[in-house]
Protein backbone atom coordinates (compact mmCIF):
# COMPACT_ATOMS: atom_id res chain seq x y z
CA LEU A 1 132.42 102.16 109.83
CA PHE A 2 134.23 104.84 111.98
CA LEU A 3 134.31 101.62 114.11
CA SER A 4 135.33 98.96 111.81
CA HIS A 5 138.63 101.61 110.71
CA SER A 6 139.14 101.99 113.88
CA TYR A 7 139.57 98.63 115.46
CA THR A 8 141.11 97.49 111.58
CA ARG A 9 143.47 100.70 112.20
CA THR A 10 144.24 98.91 116.24
CA MET A 11 145.11 95.13 114.69
CA SER A 12 147.48 96.62 112.50
CA THR A 13 149.50 98.68 115.07
CA THR A 14 149.53 95.17 116.99
CA ALA A 15 150.87 93.27 113.73
CA PHE A 16 153.82 95.33 112.75
CA SER A 17 154.66 96.69 116.76
CA PRO A 18 155.32 93.87 118.94
CA ILE A 19 156.04 96.00 121.81
CA THR A 20 152.15 97.05 121.92
CA SER A 21 151.29 97.20 124.80
CA VAL A 22 147.58 95.26 126.03
CA GLN A 23 147.35 99.18 127.81
CA SER A 24 147.61 101.15 124.58
CA ARG A 25 144.61 98.87 123.09
CA LEU A 26 142.70 99.10 125.83
CA HIS A 27 143.77 102.80 125.08
CA ASP A 28 142.28 102.68 121.54
CA ILE A 29 139.20 101.30 122.35
CA THR A 30 138.30 103.61 124.49
CA ALA A 31 139.25 106.20 122.39
CA THR A 32 137.29 104.67 119.92
CA ALA A 33 134.43 104.27 122.54
CA SER A 34 134.34 107.81 123.47
CA ASN A 35 133.88 109.46 119.48
CA LEU A 36 131.18 106.73 119.46
CA ARG A 37 129.38 108.72 121.95
CA THR A 38 130.77 112.17 120.86
CA ILE A 39 129.08 111.18 117.57
CA ASP A 40 125.46 110.31 118.98
CA ALA A 41 125.58 113.53 120.91
CA LYS A 42 126.17 114.98 117.36
CA VAL A 43 123.32 113.10 115.82
CA ALA A 44 120.92 113.19 118.44
CA ALA A 45 121.14 117.23 119.14
CA ASN A 46 121.06 117.98 115.32
CA ASP A 47 117.99 115.61 115.65
CA ASP A 48 115.85 117.85 118.19
CA ASP A 49 117.63 121.45 116.48
CA LEU A 50 115.94 120.07 112.75
CA LEU A 51 112.46 119.31 114.83
CA ALA A 52 112.74 122.80 116.73
CA GLU A 53 113.21 124.37 113.18
CA ILE A 54 110.19 122.58 111.76
CA GLY A 55 108.75 123.83 115.48
CA TYR A 56 108.11 121.23 118.03
CA LYS A 57 109.94 119.78 120.68
CA GLN A 58 112.01 116.98 121.79
CA GLU A 59 108.73 115.51 124.42
CA LEU A 60 109.54 111.42 123.38
CA LYS A 61 112.78 109.22 123.76
CA ARG A 62 115.00 108.77 120.33
CA ARG A 63 115.72 105.17 121.08
CA PHE A 64 115.02 103.49 117.75
CA SER A 65 117.75 103.01 115.36
CA THR A 66 117.42 102.88 112.02
CA PHE A 67 116.87 98.54 111.68
CA GLN A 68 114.31 99.90 114.61
CA ILE A 69 112.08 101.96 112.51
CA PHE A 70 113.01 99.04 109.58
CA GLY A 71 111.49 96.47 112.05
CA ILE A 72 108.17 98.34 113.04
CA ALA A 73 107.50 99.17 109.45
CA TYR A 74 108.44 94.98 108.92
CA SER A 75 106.64 93.71 110.89
CA ILE A 76 103.53 95.52 111.21
CA MET A 77 103.38 93.80 107.19
CA GLY A 78 104.14 90.57 109.02
CA ILE A 79 104.48 89.35 105.74
CA LEU A 80 103.24 85.41 106.24
CA PRO A 81 100.39 85.96 108.80
CA SER A 82 99.19 88.72 106.21
CA ILE A 83 99.42 86.56 102.46
CA SER A 84 98.24 83.83 104.69
CA SER A 85 95.40 85.87 105.76
CA LEU A 86 94.19 87.14 101.94
CA LEU A 87 95.23 84.21 99.73
CA GLY A 88 91.51 83.51 99.10
CA SER A 89 91.80 86.84 97.30
CA ALA A 90 94.95 86.44 95.77
CA LEU A 91 93.99 83.20 94.51
CA THR A 92 90.36 84.17 93.15
CA ALA A 93 92.62 85.22 89.67
CA GLY A 94 94.38 81.39 89.92
CA PRO A 95 98.16 81.05 90.70
CA ALA A 96 99.93 82.99 87.93
CA GLY A 97 97.39 85.54 89.32
CA ALA A 98 98.29 86.03 92.46
CA VAL A 99 102.07 85.84 91.65
CA TRP A 100 102.69 88.29 89.17
CA SER A 101 99.59 91.06 90.06
CA TRP A 102 102.28 90.54 93.96
CA ALA A 103 105.11 91.57 91.59
CA ILE A 104 103.34 94.37 89.09
CA ALA A 105 101.57 96.11 92.28
CA SER A 106 104.59 96.01 94.69
CA VAL A 107 106.50 98.02 92.65
CA PHE A 108 103.82 100.41 92.36
CA ILE A 109 103.90 100.50 96.20
CA LEU A 110 107.68 101.16 96.13
CA THR A 111 107.38 104.79 94.15
CA VAL A 112 104.72 105.83 96.78
CA GLY A 113 107.33 105.05 99.31
CA ILE A 114 109.79 106.91 97.20
CA SER A 115 108.52 110.03 97.34
CA MET A 116 106.75 109.85 100.73
CA SER A 117 110.79 109.04 102.00
CA GLU A 118 111.88 112.37 100.59
CA LEU A 119 109.25 113.95 102.22
CA ALA A 120 110.12 112.62 105.63
CA SER A 121 113.68 113.22 104.93
CA ALA A 122 112.76 116.95 104.01
CA ILE A 123 110.91 117.36 107.17
CA PRO A 124 110.95 114.40 109.69
CA THR A 125 107.76 115.13 111.68
CA SER A 126 106.05 112.48 113.84
CA GLY A 127 102.55 113.98 111.78
CA GLY A 128 104.37 114.12 108.85
CA LEU A 129 101.20 113.44 106.91
CA TYR A 130 98.88 116.45 107.49
CA TYR A 131 101.67 118.69 108.68
CA TRP A 132 103.06 118.25 104.54
CA THR A 133 100.00 119.25 103.47
CA PHE A 134 100.13 121.88 105.31
CA HIS A 135 102.81 122.72 104.20
CA TYR A 136 102.99 122.61 100.63
CA ALA A 137 99.01 123.29 100.04
CA PRO A 138 97.96 126.36 98.30
CA GLU A 139 97.02 128.78 101.40
CA ASN A 140 92.78 129.76 100.97
CA ALA A 141 92.71 125.47 101.73
CA ARG A 142 95.60 124.37 103.31
CA VAL A 143 94.39 124.20 107.03
CA PRO A 144 91.15 122.35 105.97
CA LEU A 145 92.86 119.82 103.83
CA SER A 146 94.76 119.21 106.46
CA PHE A 147 92.75 118.66 109.42
CA VAL A 148 91.19 116.11 106.88
CA ILE A 149 93.93 114.51 105.82
CA GLY A 150 95.34 113.76 109.65
CA LEU A 151 91.60 112.65 110.49
CA SER A 152 91.58 110.68 107.53
CA ASN A 153 95.12 108.87 108.35
CA THR A 154 93.70 107.92 112.40
CA MET A 155 91.16 106.50 111.14
CA ALA A 156 92.76 104.29 108.50
CA LEU A 157 95.29 102.99 110.95
CA CYS A 158 92.73 102.52 113.27
CA SER A 159 91.11 100.55 110.96
CA GLY A 160 94.24 98.63 110.05
CA MET A 161 94.69 97.87 113.32
CA VAL A 162 91.72 96.70 113.66
CA SER A 163 91.79 94.83 110.47
CA ILE A 164 94.93 93.07 111.87
CA PHE A 165 93.92 92.29 115.27
CA TYR A 166 90.63 90.96 113.25
CA GLY A 167 92.70 88.22 111.17
CA ASN A 168 94.55 87.68 114.05
CA ALA A 169 91.20 86.25 115.93
CA GLN A 170 90.56 83.97 113.02
CA GLU A 171 93.70 82.63 113.48
CA ILE A 172 93.09 81.73 116.43
CA LEU A 173 89.89 80.02 116.06
CA ALA A 174 91.53 78.63 112.99
CA ALA A 175 94.07 77.20 114.92
CA VAL A 176 91.12 75.77 117.26
CA TYR A 177 89.03 74.39 114.94
CA LEU A 178 91.34 72.34 113.41
CA SER A 179 92.31 71.14 116.66
CA LYS A 180 89.14 69.86 117.36
CA ASP A 181 88.65 68.32 113.80
CA GLY A 182 85.40 70.36 113.30
CA ASP A 183 83.64 69.95 115.77
CA PHE A 184 83.91 73.59 116.59
CA ALA A 185 81.27 76.35 115.86
CA ILE A 186 82.75 79.81 114.46
CA THR A 187 80.73 83.00 115.44
CA THR A 188 81.41 86.23 115.14
CA GLY A 189 80.26 86.40 119.21
CA LYS A 190 83.76 84.74 120.19
CA THR A 191 85.34 86.32 117.12
CA TYR A 192 84.89 89.55 118.38
CA GLY A 193 85.64 88.17 121.49
CA VAL A 194 88.96 86.73 120.34
CA PHE A 195 89.62 89.83 118.68
CA ALA A 196 88.52 92.26 122.17
CA ALA A 197 91.23 89.90 123.67
CA CYS A 198 93.97 90.83 121.56
CA VAL A 199 93.59 94.69 121.62
CA ILE A 200 94.02 95.09 125.11
CA SER A 201 96.82 92.58 125.48
CA GLY A 202 98.37 94.42 122.96
CA GLY A 203 98.15 97.81 123.88
CA LEU A 204 99.51 97.34 126.94
CA VAL A 205 102.45 96.18 125.36
CA SER A 206 102.90 99.63 122.99
CA CYS A 207 102.67 100.98 126.94
CA LEU A 208 105.81 99.92 127.92
CA SER A 209 109.03 102.14 127.87
CA SER A 210 110.35 103.74 124.97
CA LYS A 211 113.44 101.56 124.89
CA ASN A 212 111.40 98.61 125.61
CA VAL A 213 108.88 99.11 122.42
CA ALA A 214 111.81 99.32 120.10
CA MET A 215 112.95 95.89 121.11
CA LEU A 216 110.11 94.88 120.09
CA GLN A 217 110.57 95.81 117.16
CA THR A 218 113.71 94.39 117.22
CA VAL A 219 111.71 90.58 118.00
CA SER A 220 108.85 91.17 116.24
CA SER A 221 111.14 91.38 113.01
CA VAL A 222 113.69 87.93 114.30
CA CYS A 223 110.43 86.47 114.33
CA HIS A 224 108.83 87.11 111.50
CA THR A 225 111.56 86.22 109.06
CA GLY A 226 111.97 82.32 111.67
CA LEU A 227 108.29 82.41 110.43
CA LEU A 228 109.02 82.39 106.97
CA VAL A 229 112.59 80.83 107.02
CA LEU A 230 110.33 77.36 108.72
CA PHE A 231 107.41 78.44 105.97
CA PHE A 232 110.19 77.99 102.66
CA ILE A 233 111.85 74.71 104.70
CA ALA A 234 108.71 72.79 105.63
CA LEU A 235 106.02 73.23 103.37
CA PRO A 236 108.51 71.75 100.29
CA ILE A 237 109.87 68.69 102.43
CA GLY A 238 105.95 68.08 103.94
CA ASN A 239 105.33 67.68 100.42
CA LYS A 240 107.67 65.33 99.16
CA VAL A 241 107.33 63.48 102.22
CA ASN A 242 103.91 62.58 101.93
CA HIS A 243 103.88 62.29 98.50
CA HIS A 244 102.05 64.99 97.08
CA PRO A 245 103.09 66.08 93.25
CA PHE A 246 104.27 69.69 92.75
CA ASN A 247 102.76 72.00 90.34
CA LYS A 248 104.62 72.91 87.44
CA GLY A 249 105.58 75.52 86.33
CA SER A 250 102.98 76.14 83.57
CA PHE A 251 100.48 75.76 86.37
CA ILE A 252 102.70 78.17 88.72
CA PHE A 253 103.57 81.43 85.73
CA GLY A 254 101.30 80.67 83.74
CA LYS A 255 97.73 79.60 84.60
CA VAL A 256 95.34 82.69 85.24
CA GLN A 257 92.27 81.83 86.79
CA ASN A 258 88.96 83.78 87.25
CA TRP A 259 86.68 82.30 89.72
CA SER A 260 84.50 86.16 90.30
CA ASP A 261 81.78 86.86 87.74
CA TRP A 262 84.01 89.75 86.67
CA PRO A 263 86.17 89.72 83.19
CA LYS A 264 89.40 88.12 83.96
CA GLY A 265 91.76 91.44 83.70
CA TRP A 266 90.08 93.26 86.08
CA GLN A 267 89.52 89.74 88.68
CA PHE A 268 93.38 90.27 88.29
CA CYS A 269 93.72 93.24 89.21
CA LEU A 270 91.16 92.86 92.32
CA SER A 271 93.95 90.83 93.32
CA MET A 272 96.97 92.87 93.53
CA MET A 273 95.15 94.23 96.70
CA THR A 274 96.79 91.12 98.45
CA ALA A 275 99.69 93.22 97.88
CA VAL A 276 98.21 96.79 98.27
CA TRP A 277 96.23 96.02 101.47
CA THR A 278 99.79 93.75 102.70
CA ILE A 279 102.50 96.00 101.91
CA GLY A 280 101.71 98.85 103.67
CA ALA A 281 101.81 100.87 106.80
CA PHE A 282 104.68 102.16 105.85
CA ASP A 283 103.42 105.04 107.14
CA SER A 284 104.41 103.61 110.85
CA CYS A 285 107.86 104.79 110.14
CA VAL A 286 107.05 108.10 109.41
CA HIS A 287 104.87 108.15 113.06
CA MET A 288 107.41 107.49 114.47
CA SER A 289 110.09 109.59 113.04
CA GLU A 290 110.57 111.54 116.76
CA GLU A 291 111.90 109.20 118.50
CA ALA A 292 114.29 107.83 115.62
CA LYS A 293 118.09 107.92 115.44
CA ASN A 294 119.14 110.59 112.68
CA ALA A 295 115.52 110.63 111.44
CA SER A 296 116.05 112.60 108.26
CA PHE A 297 118.22 109.00 106.90
CA GLY A 298 116.95 106.18 109.43
CA VAL A 299 112.61 106.93 108.29
CA PRO A 300 113.20 106.85 104.34
CA ILE A 301 115.95 103.60 104.87
CA GLY A 302 112.82 102.28 106.76
CA ILE A 303 110.33 103.06 104.78
CA CYS A 304 111.64 101.89 101.41
CA GLY A 305 113.39 99.11 102.39
CA SER A 306 110.52 97.22 104.69
CA ILE A 307 108.97 97.20 100.48
CA THR A 308 111.22 96.02 99.49
CA THR A 309 112.20 93.24 101.27
CA CYS A 310 108.40 92.48 101.58
CA GLY A 311 107.76 92.93 98.16
CA PHE A 312 110.78 90.07 97.24
CA LEU A 313 109.77 87.38 100.36
CA GLY A 314 105.05 87.94 99.35
CA PHE A 315 106.94 87.19 95.77
CA PHE A 316 108.82 83.72 97.04
CA ILE A 317 105.92 82.84 99.29
CA LEU A 318 103.69 82.61 96.65
CA ILE A 319 105.52 81.07 94.56
CA CYS A 320 105.80 78.67 97.46
CA THR A 321 102.11 78.11 98.10
CA THR A 322 101.23 77.95 94.63
CA ALA A 323 103.78 75.22 94.11
CA CYS A 324 102.85 72.69 97.06
CA MET A 325 98.85 73.77 97.10
CA ASN A 326 96.21 71.51 95.78
CA SER A 327 96.02 71.87 92.06
CA ASP A 328 91.44 72.04 92.19
CA VAL A 329 92.31 76.00 93.69
CA GLU A 330 88.52 75.69 94.04
CA ALA A 331 88.88 73.00 96.64
CA VAL A 332 91.53 75.69 98.51
CA LEU A 333 89.10 78.96 97.89
CA GLY A 334 86.34 76.56 99.43
CA THR A 335 87.95 75.11 103.11
CA ASP A 336 85.73 74.77 105.80
CA THR A 337 87.93 76.37 107.55
CA GLY A 338 87.84 79.76 105.35
CA PHE A 339 90.85 80.04 106.03
CA PRO A 340 92.64 78.41 102.61
CA MET A 341 96.57 78.79 103.80
CA ALA A 342 95.40 77.29 106.45
CA GLN A 343 93.90 74.56 104.53
CA VAL A 344 97.58 74.56 102.01
CA ILE A 345 99.54 73.52 105.06
CA TYR A 346 96.78 71.08 105.86
CA ASP A 347 96.96 69.24 102.81
CA SER A 348 100.84 69.31 102.73
CA LEU A 349 102.30 69.01 106.63
CA GLY A 350 98.77 67.20 108.05
CA LYS A 351 96.64 68.64 111.39
CA HIS A 352 99.89 68.87 113.89
CA TRP A 353 101.95 70.83 111.42
CA ALA A 354 98.98 72.75 110.41
CA ILE A 355 97.71 73.46 114.01
CA ALA A 356 101.53 74.89 114.59
CA PHE A 357 102.07 77.30 112.03
CA MET A 358 98.58 78.29 112.94
CA SER A 359 99.28 79.19 116.28
CA LEU A 360 103.09 80.78 115.00
CA MET A 361 100.98 82.27 112.49
CA ALA A 362 98.61 84.20 115.23
CA ALA A 363 101.25 85.25 117.40
CA CYS A 364 103.37 86.86 114.78
CA GLN A 365 99.89 88.45 114.00
CA TRP A 366 99.75 89.71 117.59
CA LEU A 367 103.38 91.44 117.28
CA MET A 368 101.50 93.13 114.30
CA GLY A 369 98.86 94.53 115.79
CA CYS A 370 101.12 95.65 118.50
CA SER A 371 103.24 97.55 116.57
CA LEU A 372 99.81 99.24 114.63
CA VAL A 373 99.11 100.14 118.15
CA THR A 374 102.16 102.36 118.94
CA ALA A 375 102.17 103.79 114.86
CA ALA A 376 98.31 104.95 115.59
CA SER A 377 99.57 105.73 119.05
CA ARG A 378 101.43 108.47 117.77
CA GLN A 379 99.80 109.85 114.40
CA ILE A 380 96.69 110.64 117.61
CA TRP A 381 99.49 112.12 119.92
CA ALA A 382 100.16 114.52 117.19
CA PHE A 383 97.15 115.34 116.28
CA ALA A 384 95.73 116.19 119.32
CA ARG A 385 99.16 117.75 119.73
CA ASP A 386 98.34 120.21 117.04
CA ASP A 387 94.71 120.16 117.93
CA GLY A 388 93.01 118.62 115.88
CA LEU A 389 91.35 115.89 117.86
CA PRO A 390 88.15 115.97 120.06
CA LEU A 391 90.08 116.64 123.64
CA ALA A 392 93.49 117.36 122.35
CA ASN A 393 94.97 119.26 125.84
CA ILE A 394 93.96 116.12 127.67
CA VAL A 395 94.75 113.84 124.64
CA LYS A 396 98.10 115.04 123.88
CA VAL A 397 100.42 114.85 127.36
CA VAL A 398 103.34 112.39 127.67
CA ASN A 399 104.27 110.34 130.52
CA LYS A 400 107.51 112.36 132.12
CA LYS A 401 109.10 108.50 133.53
CA LEU A 402 108.42 106.46 130.48
CA LYS A 403 107.97 109.25 127.69
CA VAL A 404 105.35 107.00 126.23
CA PRO A 405 101.55 109.12 125.22
CA LEU A 406 99.72 106.64 127.11
CA ARG A 407 96.68 107.80 126.92
CA ALA A 408 96.74 109.08 123.17
CA ILE A 409 97.46 104.78 123.45
CA ILE A 410 94.30 104.67 125.33
CA VAL A 411 92.47 106.72 122.45
CA THR A 412 94.27 104.46 120.03
CA LEU A 413 92.23 101.16 122.01
CA CYS A 414 88.83 102.79 122.56
CA ILE A 415 88.73 103.81 118.77
CA ALA A 416 89.56 100.40 117.46
CA LEU A 417 86.85 98.46 119.94
CA ALA A 418 84.41 100.69 118.44
CA ILE A 419 85.14 100.71 114.99
CA GLY A 420 85.57 96.45 115.79
CA CYS A 421 81.96 96.32 116.21
CA LEU A 422 81.37 96.88 112.74
CA CYS A 423 82.57 93.37 112.39
CA LEU A 424 79.57 91.91 114.16
CA ALA A 425 76.87 93.19 111.57
CA GLY A 426 78.34 90.15 109.12
CA THR A 427 81.24 89.85 105.90
CA ALA A 428 80.17 92.84 104.50
CA ALA A 429 80.54 95.34 106.88
CA ALA A 430 83.90 93.57 108.08
CA SER A 431 85.63 94.37 104.34
CA ALA A 432 84.37 97.75 104.01
CA LEU A 433 85.65 98.11 107.01
CA PHE A 434 89.08 96.88 106.69
CA ALA A 435 89.09 98.90 102.41
CA LEU A 436 89.04 102.27 104.45
CA GLY A 437 92.01 101.46 105.63
CA VAL A 438 93.93 101.19 102.56
CA LEU A 439 91.64 103.86 101.02
CA GLY A 440 91.56 106.56 103.88
CA ASN A 441 95.68 105.19 103.48
CA TYR A 442 95.71 106.09 100.25
CA LEU A 443 94.37 110.10 100.12
CA ALA A 444 97.21 110.29 102.86
CA TRP A 445 99.48 109.43 101.61
CA CYS A 446 99.11 110.78 98.46
CA THR A 447 97.88 114.29 98.54
CA PRO A 448 101.32 115.43 99.91
CA VAL A 449 103.51 114.37 97.51
CA PHE A 450 100.74 115.43 95.01
CA LEU A 451 101.22 118.61 96.69
CA ARG A 452 104.45 118.53 96.01
CA LEU A 453 104.41 118.06 93.25
CA THR A 454 102.09 120.96 92.39
CA TRP A 455 101.66 124.04 94.41
CA GLY A 456 104.32 123.84 96.79
CA LYS A 457 107.23 122.59 94.68
CA HIS A 458 108.92 126.24 95.29
CA LYS A 459 108.77 125.62 99.14
CA PHE A 460 110.26 121.71 98.78
CA THR A 461 113.45 121.21 100.54
CA PRO A 462 115.43 118.61 99.45
CA GLY A 463 116.55 115.88 102.78
CA THR A 464 119.30 113.26 102.75
CA PHE A 465 117.18 110.69 101.14
CA TYR A 466 116.09 112.64 96.93
CA LEU A 467 116.18 111.21 94.27
CA GLY A 468 117.06 114.29 92.32
CA HIS A 469 114.82 117.14 90.51
CA VAL A 470 113.63 114.78 87.02
CA LYS A 471 113.91 111.78 89.24
CA SER A 472 111.63 112.83 92.20
CA GLN A 473 109.08 114.21 89.92
CA ILE A 474 108.74 110.91 87.65
CA VAL A 475 108.38 108.91 90.62
CA GLY A 476 106.18 111.24 92.03
CA TRP A 477 104.01 111.56 89.20
CA ILE A 478 103.43 107.09 88.77
CA GLY A 479 102.97 106.61 92.94
CA CYS A 480 99.63 109.82 92.31
CA ILE A 481 98.43 108.01 89.38
CA TRP A 482 99.01 104.05 90.50
CA GLY A 483 97.27 106.06 94.18
CA ALA A 484 94.77 107.49 92.17
CA PHE A 485 94.02 104.18 91.06
CA ILE A 486 93.73 101.87 93.71
CA MET A 487 91.35 104.44 95.85
CA VAL A 488 88.75 103.86 92.77
CA MET A 489 89.25 100.25 92.56
CA VAL A 490 89.37 99.62 96.98
CA CYS A 491 85.35 100.62 96.14
CA PHE A 492 84.80 97.60 93.31
CA PRO A 493 83.00 94.06 95.09
CA ALA A 494 84.93 90.91 94.82
CA THR A 495 81.86 89.76 92.70
CA ARG A 496 80.05 91.66 89.57
CA THR A 497 76.35 90.52 90.91
CA VAL A 498 76.08 91.75 93.98
CA THR A 499 73.57 91.91 97.14
CA LYS A 500 72.66 94.00 100.07
CA GLU A 501 75.14 90.83 101.69
CA ASP A 502 77.77 91.17 100.02
CA MET A 503 78.50 95.28 98.42
CA ASN A 504 81.18 96.46 98.73
CA TYR A 505 80.44 99.61 101.24
CA CYS A 506 83.73 100.89 101.80
CA VAL A 507 83.21 104.21 99.50
CA VAL A 508 79.88 105.03 102.31
CA ILE A 509 82.13 104.70 105.09
CA THR A 510 84.66 106.18 104.05
CA GLY A 511 82.86 108.90 102.69
CA GLY A 512 81.43 108.99 105.35
CA VAL A 513 84.48 109.69 107.50
CA TRP A 514 85.81 112.60 105.10
CA VAL A 515 82.18 114.26 104.30
CA LEU A 516 81.31 114.31 108.37
CA SER A 517 85.36 115.61 108.32
CA ILE A 518 84.37 118.49 106.97
CA ILE A 519 81.24 119.16 108.24
CA TYR A 520 83.52 118.82 111.55
CA PHE A 521 86.32 121.33 110.93
CA PHE A 522 83.76 123.96 109.54
CA THR A 523 80.34 123.70 112.20
CA PHE A 524 83.24 123.48 115.17
CA LYS A 525 87.24 122.76 115.04
CA TYR A 526 87.58 125.69 112.67
CA LYS A 527 87.89 127.55 116.19
CA TYR A 528 90.16 125.40 117.60
CA TYR A 529 93.07 124.32 114.52
CA HIS A 530 94.95 126.47 112.81
CA GLY A 531 97.15 124.14 111.53
CA PRO A 532 100.58 122.50 112.71
CA ARG A 533 101.33 124.96 115.33
CA SER A 534 104.00 125.42 117.65
CA ASN A 535 105.12 124.21 121.18
CA ILE A 536 108.54 125.28 121.67
CA ASN A 537 107.36 128.06 123.92
CA ASP A 538 104.38 126.27 126.98
CA ASP A 539 103.42 129.17 128.19
CA ALA A 540 101.59 129.71 124.48
CA VAL A 541 97.82 129.35 124.02
CA GLU A 542 97.99 129.94 120.28
CA THR A 543 100.80 130.28 118.21
CA ASP A 544 99.96 131.39 114.28
CA SER A 545 100.10 128.55 111.65
CA SER A 546 101.82 130.79 109.83
CA ALA A 547 105.19 130.47 111.95
CA LEU A 548 105.90 127.44 111.51
CA GLU A 549 106.64 128.92 108.07
CA VAL A 550 110.33 128.27 108.53
CA GLU A 551 112.77 128.06 105.53
CA LEU A 552 114.54 124.75 106.48
CA PRO A 553 117.53 123.69 106.48
CA HIS A 554 119.51 122.74 103.33
CA LYS A 555 120.69 119.29 103.77
CA GLU A 556 124.00 117.46 101.42
CA LYS A 557 121.77 115.64 98.63
CA VAL A 558 122.94 111.48 98.10
């Protein structure tokens, strides 16, 4: 706005004063650039000052613009590749079930994102979720509760990264399967090998300087949007050229089916998991807070903007897909490729286009994984900075040249490769692993919101993003109820009649993580983890956690 105003003023002077010289116009432009640099410096200083009041020194470079903060969440959600990976789950409730379950879930997910945005605007720090839990929790429970939330969020992010790269491996192998006309055996060993290659290469890219990693988010956002535009154009044209009839509106919006043995209503609810799995990891914006310019504003915009954008785009992707797909839903779900979206594209566009689309989606999904490696490593780095992880003194070191936590990235990759081994145990273990990302994240997302609405409401000082007392309370409680519902629903198996092979072991794995983290804390870690600790004084070995109970500045509400 400042640049626009200055430009308009300069042009007006030129238009009405014929004697205006080139030198004077250059002077105006130079003055405008100087003023912009001054504004950027003030924003950076305010970010650093606010971080110091929160209790931390600035160790990372603030290279991420508001668009790039939006871009990291938008990239991780990877709307088309994610929906493609989960289309089978969506269609178990029929075409209309896929479309409307997405629309309903998107609205409720946004309530969680809005509540998180208010917390991020008030206290923008990379370890936001466990920090907010500590800040708003009751005195006698805040340290262990903060530890559990920090560890749960860390494991959920790593699990989400595994699910993205594992889906990436499946897409690559599906493209190979199509290119060889089915003369290719997809085994768990091959899948893990491709998965490991994707993880390691994604980690190497994340080791770039913060400026290059920020630029990568712009590139990823453009790639995802370009792929989406191509999908919206190519799929309907392919249907028309190949004389495949489009499905009617009654099929798309009115045909709720049930391809499981659950009651139809509950299967409709289970189809919401497509949106829940896809529109996730928006807390990645929070973990980039200490690399964001104007974090108290940019982080909330990134969270809410990514959720809203992906909610709308996903709705139209599902409409386009169900309009162009084979009306025999059972045939699409039972495709030999093991990837229903590949079958939909194959039916509409033929073999070569299907291979091309699967290859492009695999490339975009790899970019998704790279973005999540970045976000997960920042959470691991922040948690280690507060002595929340084993070998914290080693992990929390930031590379002074690149201003990137390289050791945290290496730890992130090692955790992902280890967790990925569970995929070798079969589809039941893989599904439970992916559900860990949802269950662990929703606990980490909703706990600080709930605490802020209850015990910590007198401590809350709004930031620049705030709905107002009444609306904030309503949206916060809706988000908490939705989160509780999702945490229950994600533990249900895909079918009511289950065996040991298709049972949902999510509650076992996630519950085991929580129980072991509590045991680990009370038997050992309580000696070292006392909640978020200030690192402003480099000479301080131990800082009382109460030192972080600072009164944050009251910011103007908008």
